[in-house]
Amino acid sequence: MTMTLADQTAMTGQDGRVTEQQPGRPKRRTFTKAYKARILAAFDALPEGSAERGALLRKERLYHSHIEHWRKQAENGTLAASTGKPARSAEAEEMTLLRAENKKLKAEAAKLEARNEKLAGELGKTRTALDIAGKAFALLQDISSSADSDKS
């Protein structure tokens, strides 16, 4: 039986163990702390710029960015089992909430601005209509008074 790389990828986990195939959306790989440490040690043991480093990354289906990110985590003491997303601090959470609230307030301000412009336009039309009605009333009064003076 011939297996393609895609078949092998779907059937094996990060340590080469066979896993069940589940239809649907693929899940992100997560790496244990021990796996990250093992790969970092193996990568660093190979000579700088050697083809073996690339071969190791291809074999493990990793990118050099994984190594760089894990190395930074190891230096900071935050190397943990994760997908590489750093834990969010309380300040970052608060900033996210404030940004969301600010976005809502800007949207409300834009709606109010649009409503204000619409109402200002309607007010202008109403003032024009009242002005016309006042002039028509004055004209009718003139006509009425001149008709009364003609009868006398």
Protein backbone atom coordinates (compact mmCIF):
# COMPACT_ATOMS: atom_id res chain seq x y z
CA MET A 1 0.00 0.00 0.00
CA THR A 2 1.34 3.43 -0.94
CA MET A 3 0.79 6.31 1.48
CA THR A 4 1.11 9.93 0.62
CA LEU A 5 2.56 12.46 3.02
CA ALA A 6 -0.96 13.79 3.62
CA ASP A 7 -2.14 10.28 4.59
CA GLN A 8 0.76 9.88 6.99
CA THR A 9 0.14 13.32 8.49
CA ALA A 10 -3.51 12.52 9.10
CA MET A 11 -2.72 9.20 10.76
CA THR A 12 0.23 10.02 12.99
CA GLY A 13 0.52 12.31 15.98
CA GLN A 14 3.49 14.49 16.88
CA ASP A 15 5.45 11.55 18.31
CA GLY A 16 4.68 9.20 15.43
CA ARG A 17 1.84 7.43 17.22
CA VAL A 18 -1.19 6.47 15.15
CA THR A 19 -4.30 8.45 16.04
CA GLU A 20 -7.91 8.11 14.99
CA GLN A 21 -8.95 10.01 11.91
CA GLN A 22 -11.85 12.31 12.55
CA PRO A 23 -13.71 13.90 9.67
CA GLY A 24 -14.25 17.64 9.73
CA ARG A 25 -12.02 20.52 10.58
CA PRO A 26 -8.45 19.62 11.53
CA LYS A 27 -7.34 20.55 15.03
CA ARG A 28 -4.24 22.55 15.85
CA ARG A 29 -1.31 20.61 17.07
CA THR A 30 -0.24 21.18 20.63
CA PHE A 31 3.19 20.34 21.92
CA THR A 32 4.13 19.16 25.37
CA LYS A 33 6.86 20.83 27.35
CA ALA A 34 8.97 17.66 27.12
CA TYR A 35 8.54 17.50 23.33
CA LYS A 36 9.55 21.15 22.91
CA ALA A 37 12.61 20.66 25.13
CA ARG A 38 13.59 17.48 23.27
CA ILE A 39 13.31 19.11 19.84
CA LEU A 40 15.20 22.22 21.01
CA ALA A 41 18.01 20.04 22.39
CA ALA A 42 18.17 17.96 19.19
CA PHE A 43 18.13 21.09 17.00
CA ASP A 44 20.84 22.84 19.03
CA ALA A 45 23.01 19.70 19.00
CA LEU A 46 23.22 19.84 15.20
CA PRO A 47 25.84 22.09 13.55
CA GLU A 48 24.76 25.65 12.66
CA GLY A 49 23.53 25.89 9.05
CA SER A 50 23.66 22.15 8.45
CA ALA A 51 21.20 20.23 6.32
CA GLU A 52 20.43 17.99 9.30
CA ARG A 53 18.64 20.87 11.03
CA GLY A 54 16.32 21.25 8.05
CA ALA A 55 15.83 17.50 7.91
CA LEU A 56 14.85 17.45 11.60
CA LEU A 57 12.29 20.22 11.04
CA ARG A 58 10.84 18.44 7.99
CA LYS A 59 10.70 15.12 9.83
CA GLU A 60 8.82 16.70 12.74
CA ARG A 61 6.71 18.88 10.39
CA LEU A 62 7.88 22.06 12.14
CA TYR A 63 8.99 25.48 11.03
CA HIS A 64 12.04 27.43 12.14
CA SER A 65 9.63 29.90 13.76
CA HIS A 66 8.59 27.11 16.16
CA ILE A 67 12.21 26.76 17.28
CA GLU A 68 12.64 30.52 17.66
CA HIS A 69 9.42 30.86 19.66
CA TRP A 70 10.23 27.90 21.92
CA ARG A 71 13.75 29.22 22.47
CA LYS A 72 12.32 32.58 23.60
CA GLN A 73 9.90 30.77 25.89
CA ALA A 74 12.76 28.74 27.37
CA GLU A 75 14.82 31.92 27.95
CA ASN A 76 11.85 33.65 29.62
CA GLY A 77 11.03 30.58 31.69
CA THR A 78 7.56 30.30 30.15
CA LEU A 79 8.11 27.15 28.10
CA ALA A 80 4.88 25.27 28.64
CA ALA A 81 2.57 22.95 26.78
CA SER A 82 0.86 25.36 24.44
CA THR A 83 0.31 26.28 20.85
CA GLY A 84 2.54 29.29 21.27
CA LYS A 85 -0.01 31.86 22.37
CA PRO A 86 1.29 33.70 25.40
CA ALA A 87 -0.94 34.01 28.43
CA ARG A 88 -2.75 37.32 28.46
CA SER A 89 -2.13 39.60 31.40
CA ALA A 90 -4.89 41.37 33.29
CA GLU A 91 -3.75 44.66 31.75
CA ALA A 92 -4.03 43.22 28.25
CA GLU A 93 -7.52 41.91 29.01
CA GLU A 94 -8.54 45.33 30.34
CA MET A 95 -7.11 47.03 27.24
CA THR A 96 -9.09 44.65 25.03
CA LEU A 97 -12.29 45.45 26.93
CA LEU A 98 -11.59 49.19 26.74
CA ARG A 99 -10.92 48.98 23.01
CA ALA A 100 -14.19 47.09 22.48
CA GLU A 101 -16.10 49.68 24.54
CA ASN A 102 -14.39 52.50 22.63
CA LYS A 103 -15.40 50.89 19.34
CA LYS A 104 -19.03 50.66 20.52
CA LEU A 105 -19.00 54.30 21.64
CA LYS A 106 -17.59 55.42 18.29
CA ALA A 107 -20.31 53.49 16.47
CA GLU A 108 -22.99 55.08 18.68
CA ALA A 109 -21.47 58.53 18.10
CA ALA A 110 -21.56 57.96 14.35
CA LYS A 111 -25.24 56.92 14.55
CA LEU A 112 -26.08 59.99 16.64
CA GLU A 113 -24.18 62.24 14.23
CA ALA A 114 -26.15 60.79 11.29
CA ARG A 115 -29.45 61.21 13.18
CA ASN A 116 -28.52 64.80 14.08
CA GLU A 117 -27.81 65.60 10.41
CA LYS A 118 -31.13 64.05 9.38
CA LEU A 119 -33.04 66.03 12.01
CA ALA A 120 -31.22 69.23 11.02
CA GLY A 121 -32.34 68.66 7.42
CA GLU A 122 -35.93 68.08 8.54
CA LEU A 123 -35.80 71.25 10.67
CA GLY A 124 -34.62 73.21 7.64
CA LYS A 125 -37.50 71.88 5.56
CA THR A 126 -39.99 72.69 8.34
CA ARG A 127 -38.67 76.26 8.65
CA THR A 128 -38.91 76.71 4.89
CA ALA A 129 -42.49 75.37 4.90
CA LEU A 130 -43.45 77.70 7.77
CA ASP A 131 -41.88 80.66 5.95
CA ILE A 132 -43.86 79.81 2.80
CA ALA A 133 -47.05 79.36 4.82
CA GLY A 134 -46.50 82.73 6.52
CA LYS A 135 -45.99 84.47 3.17
CA ALA A 136 -49.08 82.75 1.76
CA PHE A 137 -51.10 83.88 4.79
CA ALA A 138 -49.84 87.46 4.37
CA LEU A 139 -50.73 87.36 0.64
CA LEU A 140 -54.21 86.04 1.41
CA GLN A 141 -54.70 88.81 3.98
CA ASP A 142 -53.65 91.41 1.41
CA ILE A 143 -56.03 89.92 -1.13
CA SER A 144 -58.82 89.78 1.44
CA SER A 145 -58.30 93.36 2.60
CA SER A 146 -58.13 94.67 -0.97
CA ALA A 147 -61.35 92.78 -1.80
CA ASP A 148 -63.04 94.36 1.22
CA SER A 149 -61.88 97.85 0.20
CA ASP A 150 -63.16 97.31 -3.36
CA LYS A 151 -66.66 96.48 -2.05
CA SER A 152 -66.95 99.71 -0.10
